[in-house]
Protein backbone atom coordinates (compact mmCIF):
# COMPACT_ATOMS: atom_id res chain seq x y z
CA MET A 1 -0.18 -0.38 -17.84
CA LEU A 2 1.30 -1.23 -21.22
CA LEU A 3 4.62 0.26 -20.14
CA VAL A 4 4.73 -1.98 -17.07
CA LEU A 5 3.85 -5.00 -19.22
CA ALA A 6 6.59 -4.07 -21.71
CA ALA A 7 9.05 -3.99 -18.81
CA ARG A 8 8.24 -7.67 -18.17
CA ALA A 9 9.30 -8.76 -21.66
CA PRO A 10 12.37 -11.00 -21.42
CA TRP A 11 14.20 -9.01 -24.11
CA THR A 12 13.80 -5.66 -22.30
CA PRO A 13 17.16 -4.60 -20.79
CA ALA A 14 17.03 -4.06 -17.01
CA PRO A 15 17.71 -0.29 -17.09
CA VAL A 16 14.98 0.19 -19.71
CA ALA A 17 12.60 -2.02 -17.72
CA ARG A 18 13.06 0.17 -14.65
CA ILE A 19 12.32 3.33 -16.63
CA LEU A 20 9.23 1.74 -18.18
CA ILE A 21 7.98 0.70 -14.75
CA ILE A 22 8.45 4.19 -13.32
CA LEU A 23 6.73 5.81 -16.31
CA GLY A 24 3.89 3.28 -16.16
CA TYR A 25 3.22 3.91 -12.48
CA LEU A 26 3.44 7.68 -12.87
CA GLY A 27 1.02 7.48 -15.80
CA ALA A 28 -1.39 5.41 -13.72
CA LEU A 29 -1.23 8.00 -10.94
CA VAL A 30 -2.14 10.76 -13.42
CA VAL A 31 -5.11 8.83 -14.79
CA LEU A 32 -6.33 7.93 -11.30
CA TRP A 33 -5.93 11.54 -10.14
CA LEU A 34 -8.00 12.74 -13.10
CA ASN A 35 -10.71 10.22 -12.14
CA ARG A 36 -10.56 10.80 -8.38
CA ALA A 37 -14.21 11.96 -8.33
CA GLN A 38 -15.27 8.39 -9.15
CA ARG A 39 -16.43 6.43 -6.13
CA TRP A 40 -13.61 4.24 -4.76
CA CYS A 41 -11.04 5.75 -7.12
CA GLN A 42 -9.33 7.53 -4.22
CA VAL A 43 -8.67 4.15 -2.59
CA VAL A 44 -7.20 2.77 -5.83
CA LEU A 45 -5.14 5.97 -6.12
CA LEU A 46 -3.81 5.54 -2.57
CA GLY A 47 -2.78 1.91 -3.19
CA THR A 48 -1.08 2.85 -6.44
CA ALA A 49 0.67 5.79 -4.74
CA LEU A 50 2.04 3.51 -2.01
CA ASN A 51 3.45 1.11 -4.60
CA THR A 52 4.81 3.98 -6.68
CA ALA A 53 6.59 5.48 -3.67
CA ALA A 54 8.35 2.18 -2.92
CA ILE A 55 9.31 1.72 -6.57
CA LEU A 56 10.56 5.28 -7.03
CA ALA A 57 12.60 5.11 -3.81
CA ASN A 58 14.34 2.00 -5.15
CA ALA A 59 15.18 3.17 -8.68
CA GLY A 60 12.31 1.41 -10.44
CA ARG A 61 12.33 -1.83 -8.47
CA MET A 62 9.85 -3.07 -5.86
CA PRO A 63 11.57 -4.19 -2.64
CA VAL A 64 10.75 -7.71 -1.48
CA GLY A 65 11.11 -8.81 2.14
CA ARG A 66 13.30 -11.83 2.80
CA PRO A 67 10.85 -13.56 5.23
CA ALA A 68 8.06 -13.42 2.65
CA LEU A 69 10.43 -14.52 -0.10
CA GLU A 70 11.48 -17.57 1.89
CA ARG A 71 7.84 -18.71 2.03
CA ILE A 72 7.47 -18.41 -1.74
CA ASP A 73 9.82 -20.79 -3.48
CA GLY A 74 9.78 -20.19 -7.21
CA PRO A 75 11.23 -18.21 -10.13
CA LEU A 76 11.02 -14.86 -8.31
CA SER A 77 12.89 -16.30 -5.35
CA VAL A 78 15.66 -17.72 -7.53
CA ALA A 79 16.02 -14.55 -9.65
CA LEU A 80 16.01 -12.22 -6.65
CA LYS A 81 18.58 -14.20 -4.71
CA ALA A 82 20.80 -14.21 -7.79
CA GLY A 83 20.31 -10.45 -8.27
CA ALA A 84 18.92 -11.08 -11.75
CA ASP A 85 15.39 -9.65 -11.40
CA PRO A 86 15.13 -6.21 -13.04
CA ARG A 87 11.75 -5.44 -11.40
CA HIS A 88 12.47 -6.38 -7.78
CA VAL A 89 15.19 -5.88 -5.21
CA LEU A 90 15.77 -7.85 -2.04
CA ALA A 91 14.88 -5.56 0.88
CA GLY A 92 17.30 -5.06 3.71
CA PRO A 93 17.46 -2.81 6.77
CA SER A 94 18.65 0.16 4.71
CA THR A 95 16.22 -0.26 1.81
CA PRO A 96 14.34 3.01 1.27
CA LEU A 97 10.62 2.54 2.04
CA GLY A 98 11.20 -1.20 2.25
CA PHE A 99 8.16 -1.55 4.53
CA LEU A 100 5.99 -0.50 1.56
CA GLY A 101 7.42 -3.27 -0.60
CA ASP A 102 6.21 -6.83 -1.10
CA GLN A 103 6.24 -8.07 2.49
CA VAL A 104 3.32 -10.46 2.95
CA ALA A 105 3.37 -13.97 1.50
CA VAL A 106 -0.05 -15.24 0.47
CA GLY A 107 -0.12 -18.98 -0.01
CA GLY A 108 3.48 -20.02 0.22
CA TRP A 109 5.59 -23.10 0.69
CA GLY A 110 6.10 -23.79 -2.98
CA GLY A 111 3.39 -21.52 -4.39
CA GLY A 112 1.56 -18.29 -3.88
CA LEU A 113 2.55 -14.68 -4.19
CA ILE A 114 3.94 -11.80 -2.20
CA VAL A 115 1.92 -8.61 -1.78
CA SER A 116 2.65 -5.11 -0.54
CA PRO A 117 0.52 -2.84 1.65
CA GLY A 118 -0.25 -0.88 -1.53
CA ASP A 119 -1.48 -4.07 -3.22
CA VAL A 120 -3.91 -4.69 -0.36
CA VAL A 121 -5.28 -1.12 -0.50
CA LEU A 122 -5.43 -1.31 -4.30
CA ALA A 123 -7.35 -4.61 -4.23
CA PHE A 124 -9.80 -3.18 -1.70
CA GLY A 125 -10.39 -0.16 -3.95
CA ILE A 126 -10.85 -2.26 -7.08
CA ALA A 127 -13.31 -4.51 -5.22
CA GLY A 128 -15.24 -1.41 -4.17
CA LEU A 129 -15.28 -0.09 -7.75
CA VAL A 130 -16.56 -3.40 -9.09
CA GLN A 131 -19.20 -3.75 -6.39
CA ALA A 132 -20.45 -0.18 -6.93
CA ALA A 133 -20.66 -0.79 -10.68
CA MET A 134 -22.52 -4.09 -10.19
CA ARG A 135 -25.03 -2.37 -7.93
CA GLY A 136 -25.50 0.44 -10.43
CA GLU A 137 -24.49 3.09 -7.90
CA ASP A 138 -23.72 6.63 -8.97
CA SER A 139 -20.00 6.60 -9.70
CA SER A 140 -19.27 10.10 -8.39
CA ALA A 141 -18.18 10.43 -4.79
C-alpha cells in the first residue's frame, strides 16, 4: 500500500510511479494470498486480482472509460484528457482488459468517483471482513 501511495506523490516520475503501482498491487496479492484462509479474504483477493490484471495489462496504469469520465468533471478528467496522468489511461476499443478498468461513475456531474468491477468486489469483501469482525465471528473460512 505504501508503494501505491508513493506513486501518487507529485514529485514521483511517471515511469517510477507505474513500477511502484505494479509492485504495490503484486505485494497486496501476496499478502492476501497468504491470508486467504481468513473469512472474506478470498473476495478481497478476487477484487484486488481484477484490478491488478487491468493495471498489469496497461503497463501500470488503470484504464478509465470515456463515458464514466464524462460524468466526472474534475482533476482526473482534465489530466487524463491531456495525457498527463501517470496512474490512469483513457480506455479505447483496443485497450487490454479495458472492461476491468474504471468504468462506472458514482455520483457524477461535477463530483463523484469512477470505480472498476474489481473495486466493487473489493468493497464487498472488505464490508464482509468488517461485519464478521464486528460480530466476533471465527475469522477462518
